[in-house]
Amino acid sequence: MRELNDEELVLRLREAKEELFNLRFQMATGQMDNNRRLRMIRHDIARIYTVMRERELGLSVSPDEVPSGEGAA
């Protein structure tokens, strides 16, 4: 997740939320085969939010913002 840039994170978040919606719908109608998938998607969403918050606070940087002058004095 951390190697994705901000736009890719937003896209991945949107896809995960859509899948979560569909899985909840399947669960309500009794068509769900894999209950574990619901939990995995929720954890992925939490991971994405965590990475986004870390970048917002400056605790980590996106791959686009990697300093180019590493090692230069």
PDB file of N, CA and C in Angstrom:
ATOM      1  N   MET A   1       0.813  -1.193   0.000  1.00  0.00           N
ATOM      2  CA  MET A   1       0.000   0.000   0.000  1.00  0.00           C
ATOM      3  C   MET A   1       0.863   1.266   0.000  1.00  0.00           C
ATOM      4  N   ARG A   2       1.954   1.225   0.727  1.00  0.00           N
ATOM      5  CA  ARG A   2       2.769   2.424   0.878  1.00  0.00           C
ATOM      6  C   ARG A   2       3.468   2.831  -0.412  1.00  0.00           C
ATOM      7  N   GLU A   3       3.618   1.898  -1.360  1.00  0.00           N
ATOM      8  CA  GLU A   3       4.290   2.242  -2.607  1.00  0.00           C
ATOM      9  C   GLU A   3       3.348   2.900  -3.613  1.00  0.00           C
ATOM     10  N   LEU A   4       2.058   2.967  -3.299  1.00  0.00           N
ATOM     11  CA  LEU A   4       1.084   3.611  -4.181  1.00  0.00           C
ATOM     12  C   LEU A   4       1.094   5.117  -3.961  1.00  0.00           C
ATOM     13  N   ASN A   5       0.861   5.870  -5.047  1.00  0.00           N
ATOM     14  CA  ASN A   5       0.753   7.320  -4.870  1.00  0.00           C
ATOM     15  C   ASN A   5      -0.665   7.674  -4.411  1.00  0.00           C
ATOM     16  N   ASP A   6      -0.904   8.941  -4.164  1.00  0.00           N
ATOM     17  CA  ASP A   6      -2.177   9.368  -3.572  1.00  0.00           C
ATOM     18  C   ASP A   6      -3.383   9.036  -4.453  1.00  0.00           C
ATOM     19  N   GLU A   7      -3.250   9.245  -5.772  1.00  0.00           N
ATOM     20  CA  GLU A   7      -4.372   8.966  -6.669  1.00  0.00           C
ATOM     21  C   GLU A   7      -4.701   7.476  -6.684  1.00  0.00           C
ATOM     22  N   GLU A   8      -3.661   6.645  -6.682  1.00  0.00           N
ATOM     23  CA  GLU A   8      -3.889   5.202  -6.682  1.00  0.00           C
ATOM     24  C   GLU A   8      -4.532   4.747  -5.377  1.00  0.00           C
ATOM     25  N   LEU A   9      -4.156   5.385  -4.268  1.00  0.00           N
ATOM     26  CA  LEU A   9      -4.770   5.050  -2.979  1.00  0.00           C
ATOM     27  C   LEU A   9      -6.255   5.385  -2.983  1.00  0.00           C
ATOM     28  N   VAL A  10      -6.598   6.547  -3.518  1.00  0.00           N
ATOM     29  CA  VAL A  10      -8.006   6.951  -3.573  1.00  0.00           C
ATOM     30  C   VAL A  10      -8.789   5.983  -4.458  1.00  0.00           C
ATOM     31  N   LEU A  11      -8.190   5.591  -5.576  1.00  0.00           N
ATOM     32  CA  LEU A  11      -8.847   4.639  -6.470  1.00  0.00           C
ATOM     33  C   LEU A  11      -9.036   3.290  -5.778  1.00  0.00           C
ATOM     34  N   ARG A  12      -8.004   2.815  -5.102  1.00  0.00           N
ATOM     35  CA  ARG A  12      -8.080   1.532  -4.389  1.00  0.00           C
ATOM     36  C   ARG A  12      -9.133   1.603  -3.284  1.00  0.00           C
ATOM     37  N   LEU A  13      -9.223   2.758  -2.593  1.00  0.00           N
ATOM     38  CA  LEU A  13     -10.222   2.936  -1.538  1.00  0.00           C
ATOM     39  C   LEU A  13     -11.630   2.868  -2.119  1.00  0.00           C
ATOM     40  N   ARG A  14     -11.843   3.535  -3.233  1.00  0.00           N
ATOM     41  CA  ARG A  14     -13.161   3.528  -3.869  1.00  0.00           C
ATOM     42  C   ARG A  14     -13.556   2.106  -4.281  1.00  0.00           C
ATOM     43  N   GLU A  15     -12.602   1.374  -4.862  1.00  0.00           N
ATOM     44  CA  GLU A  15     -12.886  -0.002  -5.278  1.00  0.00           C
ATOM     45  C   GLU A  15     -13.206  -0.891  -4.076  1.00  0.00           C
ATOM     46  N   ALA A  16     -12.459  -0.711  -2.993  1.00  0.00           N
ATOM     47  CA  ALA A  16     -12.680  -1.526  -1.797  1.00  0.00           C
ATOM     48  C   ALA A  16     -14.041  -1.227  -1.182  1.00  0.00           C
ATOM     49  N   LYS A  17     -14.434   0.037  -1.174  1.00  0.00           N
ATOM     50  CA  LYS A  17     -15.739   0.390  -0.618  1.00  0.00           C
ATOM     51  C   LYS A  17     -16.872  -0.183  -1.463  1.00  0.00           C
ATOM     52  N   GLU A  18     -16.694  -0.164  -2.789  1.00  0.00           N
ATOM     53  CA  GLU A  18     -17.706  -0.758  -3.662  1.00  0.00           C
ATOM     54  C   GLU A  18     -17.822  -2.259  -3.412  1.00  0.00           C
ATOM     55  N   GLU A  19     -16.665  -2.918  -3.273  1.00  0.00           N
ATOM     56  CA  GLU A  19     -16.692  -4.357  -3.017  1.00  0.00           C
ATOM     57  C   GLU A  19     -17.324  -4.661  -1.663  1.00  0.00           C
ATOM     58  N   LEU A  20     -17.039  -3.833  -0.659  1.00  0.00           N
ATOM     59  CA  LEU A  20     -17.640  -4.017   0.657  1.00  0.00           C
ATOM     60  C   LEU A  20     -19.158  -3.883   0.572  1.00  0.00           C
ATOM     61  N   PHE A  21     -19.627  -2.901  -0.180  1.00  0.00           N
ATOM     62  CA  PHE A  21     -21.064  -2.719  -0.369  1.00  0.00           C
ATOM     63  C   PHE A  21     -21.678  -3.966  -1.002  1.00  0.00           C
ATOM     64  N   ASN A  22     -21.028  -4.467  -2.052  1.00  0.00           N
ATOM     65  CA  ASN A  22     -21.552  -5.655  -2.735  1.00  0.00           C
ATOM     66  C   ASN A  22     -21.540  -6.880  -1.826  1.00  0.00           C
ATOM     67  N   LEU A  23     -20.480  -7.027  -1.034  1.00  0.00           N
ATOM     68  CA  LEU A  23     -20.408  -8.168  -0.124  1.00  0.00           C
ATOM     69  C   LEU A  23     -21.480  -8.088   0.956  1.00  0.00           C
ATOM     70  N   ARG A  24     -21.732  -6.895   1.455  1.00  0.00           N
ATOM     71  CA  ARG A  24     -22.793  -6.741   2.458  1.00  0.00           C
ATOM     72  C   ARG A  24     -24.153  -7.067   1.857  1.00  0.00           C
ATOM     73  N   PHE A  25     -24.338  -6.674   0.614  1.00  0.00           N
ATOM     74  CA  PHE A  25     -25.586  -6.984  -0.075  1.00  0.00           C
ATOM     75  C   PHE A  25     -25.735  -8.494  -0.233  1.00  0.00           C
ATOM     76  N   GLN A  26     -24.647  -9.169  -0.628  1.00  0.00           N
ATOM     77  CA  GLN A  26     -24.678 -10.627  -0.754  1.00  0.00           C
ATOM     78  C   GLN A  26     -24.968 -11.288   0.585  1.00  0.00           C
ATOM     79  N   MET A  27     -24.391 -10.745   1.644  1.00  0.00           N
ATOM     80  CA  MET A  27     -24.602 -11.311   2.973  1.00  0.00           C
ATOM     81  C   MET A  27     -26.074 -11.185   3.379  1.00  0.00           C
ATOM     82  N   ALA A  28     -26.669 -10.052   3.075  1.00  0.00           N
ATOM     83  CA  ALA A  28     -28.062  -9.824   3.447  1.00  0.00           C
ATOM     84  C   ALA A  28     -29.007 -10.740   2.675  1.00  0.00           C
ATOM     85  N   THR A  29     -28.641 -11.066   1.436  1.00  0.00           N
ATOM     86  CA  THR A  29     -29.505 -11.919   0.625  1.00  0.00           C
ATOM     87  C   THR A  29     -29.158 -13.396   0.752  1.00  0.00           C
ATOM     88  N   GLY A  30     -28.129 -13.713   1.534  1.00  0.00           N
ATOM     89  CA  GLY A  30     -27.758 -15.104   1.759  1.00  0.00           C
ATOM     90  C   GLY A  30     -26.960 -15.735   0.637  1.00  0.00           C
ATOM     91  N   GLN A  31     -26.359 -14.938  -0.231  1.00  0.00           N
ATOM     92  CA  GLN A  31     -25.609 -15.463  -1.368  1.00  0.00           C
ATOM     93  C   GLN A  31     -24.102 -15.488  -1.118  1.00  0.00           C
ATOM     94  N   MET A  32     -23.673 -15.110   0.056  1.00  0.00           N
ATOM     95  CA  MET A  32     -22.247 -14.987   0.324  1.00  0.00           C
ATOM     96  C   MET A  32     -21.614 -16.355   0.558  1.00  0.00           C
ATOM     97  N   ASP A  33     -20.500 -16.621  -0.160  1.00  0.00           N
ATOM     98  CA  ASP A  33     -19.814 -17.899  -0.006  1.00  0.00           C
ATOM     99  C   ASP A  33     -18.655 -17.773   0.986  1.00  0.00           C
ATOM    100  N   ASN A  34     -17.924 -16.661   0.916  1.00  0.00           N
ATOM    101  CA  ASN A  34     -16.701 -16.507   1.691  1.00  0.00           C
ATOM    102  C   ASN A  34     -16.871 -15.370   2.704  1.00  0.00           C
ATOM    103  N   ASN A  35     -17.188 -15.721   3.946  1.00  0.00           N
ATOM    104  CA  ASN A  35     -17.375 -14.698   4.974  1.00  0.00           C
ATOM    105  C   ASN A  35     -16.072 -13.989   5.321  1.00  0.00           C
ATOM    106  N   ARG A  36     -14.960 -14.653   5.135  1.00  0.00           N
ATOM    107  CA  ARG A  36     -13.650 -14.083   5.451  1.00  0.00           C
ATOM    108  C   ARG A  36     -13.346 -12.875   4.563  1.00  0.00           C
ATOM    109  N   ARG A  37     -13.848 -12.881   3.344  1.00  0.00           N
ATOM    110  CA  ARG A  37     -13.575 -11.795   2.391  1.00  0.00           C
ATOM    111  C   ARG A  37     -14.081 -10.456   2.929  1.00  0.00           C
ATOM    112  N   LEU A  38     -15.202 -10.459   3.607  1.00  0.00           N
ATOM    113  CA  LEU A  38     -15.758  -9.237   4.183  1.00  0.00           C
ATOM    114  C   LEU A  38     -14.772  -8.618   5.167  1.00  0.00           C
ATOM    115  N   ARG A  39     -14.203  -9.442   6.022  1.00  0.00           N
ATOM    116  CA  ARG A  39     -13.238  -8.955   7.007  1.00  0.00           C
ATOM    117  C   ARG A  39     -11.958  -8.452   6.329  1.00  0.00           C
ATOM    118  N   MET A  40     -11.507  -9.162   5.301  1.00  0.00           N
ATOM    119  CA  MET A  40     -10.291  -8.760   4.599  1.00  0.00           C
ATOM    120  C   MET A  40     -10.460  -7.391   3.945  1.00  0.00           C
ATOM    121  N   ILE A  41     -11.608  -7.147   3.353  1.00  0.00           N
ATOM    122  CA  ILE A  41     -11.862  -5.860   2.701  1.00  0.00           C
ATOM    123  C   ILE A  41     -11.897  -4.742   3.734  1.00  0.00           C
ATOM    124  N   ARG A  42     -12.528  -4.985   4.883  1.00  0.00           N
ATOM    125  CA  ARG A  42     -12.559  -3.966   5.937  1.00  0.00           C
ATOM    126  C   ARG A  42     -11.152  -3.638   6.417  1.00  0.00           C
ATOM    127  N   HIS A  43     -10.309  -4.638   6.537  1.00  0.00           N
ATOM    128  CA  HIS A  43      -8.925  -4.411   6.963  1.00  0.00           C
ATOM    129  C   HIS A  43      -8.148  -3.637   5.896  1.00  0.00           C
ATOM    130  N   ASP A  44      -8.394  -3.940   4.624  1.00  0.00           N
ATOM    131  CA  ASP A  44      -7.734  -3.203   3.546  1.00  0.00           C
ATOM    132  C   ASP A  44      -8.127  -1.730   3.572  1.00  0.00           C
ATOM    133  N   ILE A  45      -9.403  -1.464   3.804  1.00  0.00           N
ATOM    134  CA  ILE A  45      -9.874  -0.078   3.883  1.00  0.00           C
ATOM    135  C   ILE A  45      -9.184   0.637   5.037  1.00  0.00           C
ATOM    136  N   ALA A  46      -9.059  -0.025   6.169  1.00  0.00           N
ATOM    137  CA  ALA A  46      -8.376   0.573   7.320  1.00  0.00           C
ATOM    138  C   ALA A  46      -6.908   0.843   7.003  1.00  0.00           C
ATOM    139  N   ARG A  47      -6.255  -0.074   6.292  1.00  0.00           N
ATOM    140  CA  ARG A  47      -4.851   0.134   5.915  1.00  0.00           C
ATOM    141  C   ARG A  47      -4.703   1.349   5.005  1.00  0.00           C
ATOM    142  N   ILE A  48      -5.617   1.491   4.057  1.00  0.00           N
ATOM    143  CA  ILE A  48      -5.563   2.624   3.134  1.00  0.00           C
ATOM    144  C   ILE A  48      -5.735   3.928   3.900  1.00  0.00           C
ATOM    145  N   TYR A  49      -6.730   3.980   4.795  1.00  0.00           N
ATOM    146  CA  TYR A  49      -6.931   5.181   5.600  1.00  0.00           C
ATOM    147  C   TYR A  49      -5.709   5.487   6.462  1.00  0.00           C
ATOM    148  N   THR A  50      -5.047   4.456   6.972  1.00  0.00           N
ATOM    149  CA  THR A  50      -3.858   4.656   7.800  1.00  0.00           C
ATOM    150  C   THR A  50      -2.736   5.283   6.988  1.00  0.00           C
ATOM    151  N   VAL A  51      -2.487   4.774   5.794  1.00  0.00           N
ATOM    152  CA  VAL A  51      -1.427   5.323   4.943  1.00  0.00           C
ATOM    153  C   VAL A  51      -1.747   6.765   4.568  1.00  0.00           C
ATOM    154  N   MET A  52      -3.014   7.038   4.241  1.00  0.00           N
ATOM    155  CA  MET A  52      -3.403   8.401   3.878  1.00  0.00           C
ATOM    156  C   MET A  52      -3.200   9.352   5.056  1.00  0.00           C
ATOM    157  N   ARG A  53      -3.539   8.916   6.249  1.00  0.00           N
ATOM    158  CA  ARG A  53      -3.382   9.756   7.442  1.00  0.00           C
ATOM    159  C   ARG A  53      -1.905   9.986   7.765  1.00  0.00           C
ATOM    160  N   GLU A  54      -1.079   8.959   7.600  1.00  0.00           N
ATOM    161  CA  GLU A  54       0.356   9.120   7.834  1.00  0.00           C
ATOM    162  C   GLU A  54       0.939  10.173   6.902  1.00  0.00           C
ATOM    163  N   ARG A  55       0.525  10.147   5.655  1.00  0.00           N
ATOM    164  CA  ARG A  55       1.019  11.142   4.692  1.00  0.00           C
ATOM    165  C   ARG A  55       0.515  12.531   5.044  1.00  0.00           C
ATOM    166  N   GLU A  56      -0.721  12.608   5.498  1.00  0.00           N
ATOM    167  CA  GLU A  56      -1.294  13.896   5.896  1.00  0.00           C
ATOM    168  C   GLU A  56      -0.516  14.500   7.057  1.00  0.00           C
ATOM    169  N   LEU A  57      -0.089  13.659   7.994  1.00  0.00           N
ATOM    170  CA  LEU A  57       0.656  14.134   9.159  1.00  0.00           C
ATOM    171  C   LEU A  57       2.144  14.275   8.885  1.00  0.00           C
ATOM    172  N   GLY A  58       2.591  13.830   7.724  1.00  0.00           N
ATOM    173  CA  GLY A  58       4.000  13.924   7.385  1.00  0.00           C
ATOM    174  C   GLY A  58       4.842  12.812   7.968  1.00  0.00           C
ATOM    175  N   LEU A  59       4.225  11.732   8.419  1.00  0.00           N
ATOM    176  CA  LEU A  59       4.966  10.614   8.994  1.00  0.00           C
ATOM    177  C   LEU A  59       5.571   9.723   7.917  1.00  0.00           C
ATOM    178  N   SER A  60       5.005   9.759   6.724  1.00  0.00           N
ATOM    179  CA  SER A  60       5.574   9.029   5.595  1.00  0.00           C
ATOM    180  C   SER A  60       5.317   9.858   4.342  1.00  0.00           C
ATOM    181  N   VAL A  61       6.048   9.565   3.292  1.00  0.00           N
ATOM    182  CA  VAL A  61       5.893  10.304   2.043  1.00  0.00           C
ATOM    183  C   VAL A  61       5.435   9.349   0.957  1.00  0.00           C
ATOM    184  N   SER A  62       4.744   9.898  -0.024  1.00  0.00           N
ATOM    185  CA  SER A  62       4.318   9.083  -1.150  1.00  0.00           C
ATOM    186  C   SER A  62       5.516   8.851  -2.059  1.00  0.00           C
ATOM    187  N   PRO A  63       5.470   7.851  -2.905  1.00  0.00           N
ATOM    188  CA  PRO A  63       6.599   7.565  -3.793  1.00  0.00           C
ATOM    189  C   PRO A  63       6.939   8.734  -4.712  1.00  0.00           C
ATOM    190  N   ASP A  64       5.972   9.605  -4.991  1.00  0.00           N
ATOM    191  CA  ASP A  64       6.217  10.768  -5.843  1.00  0.00           C
ATOM    192  C   ASP A  64       7.094  11.801  -5.154  1.00  0.00           C
ATOM    193  N   GLU A  65       7.084  11.815  -3.823  1.00  0.00           N
ATOM    194  CA  GLU A  65       7.765  12.854  -3.063  1.00  0.00           C
ATOM    195  C   GLU A  65       9.095  12.402  -2.471  1.00  0.00           C
ATOM    196  N   VAL A  66       9.655  11.308  -2.962  1.00  0.00           N
ATOM    197  CA  VAL A  66      10.925  10.813  -2.432  1.00  0.00           C
ATOM    198  C   VAL A  66      12.010  11.833  -2.752  1.00  0.00           C
ATOM    199  N   PRO A  67      12.802  12.249  -1.753  1.00  0.00           N
ATOM    200  CA  PRO A  67      13.841  13.243  -2.000  1.00  0.00           C
ATOM    201  C   PRO A  67      14.864  12.734  -3.007  1.00  0.00           C
ATOM    202  N   SER A  68      15.195  13.567  -3.989  1.00  0.00           N
ATOM    203  CA  SER A  68      16.123  13.148  -5.036  1.00  0.00           C
ATOM    204  C   SER A  68      17.570  13.318  -4.615  1.00  0.00           C
ATOM    205  N   GLY A  69      17.832  14.102  -3.587  1.00  0.00           N
ATOM    206  CA  GLY A  69      19.194  14.394  -3.172  1.00  0.00           C
ATOM    207  C   GLY A  69      19.693  13.520  -2.050  1.00  0.00           C
ATOM    208  N   GLU A  70      19.267  12.274  -1.988  1.00  0.00           N
ATOM    209  CA  GLU A  70      19.743  11.397  -0.921  1.00  0.00           C
ATOM    210  C   GLU A  70      21.232  11.157  -1.096  1.00  0.00           C
ATOM    211  N   GLY A  71      21.992  11.328  -0.021  1.00  0.00           N
ATOM    212  CA  GLY A  71      23.419  11.104  -0.061  1.00  0.00           C
ATOM    213  C   GLY A  71      24.222  12.325  -0.464  1.00  0.00           C
ATOM    214  N   ALA A  72      23.605  13.333  -1.010  1.00  0.00           N
ATOM    215  CA  ALA A  72      24.317  14.557  -1.403  1.00  0.00           C
ATOM    216  C   ALA A  72      24.480  15.443  -0.183  1.00  0.00           C
ATOM    217  N   ALA A  73      25.650  16.033  -0.049  1.00  0.00           N
ATOM    218  CA  ALA A  73      25.918  16.852   1.136  1.00  0.00           C
ATOM    219  C   ALA A  73      25.618  18.293   0.927  1.00  0.00           C
TER     220      ALA A  73
END
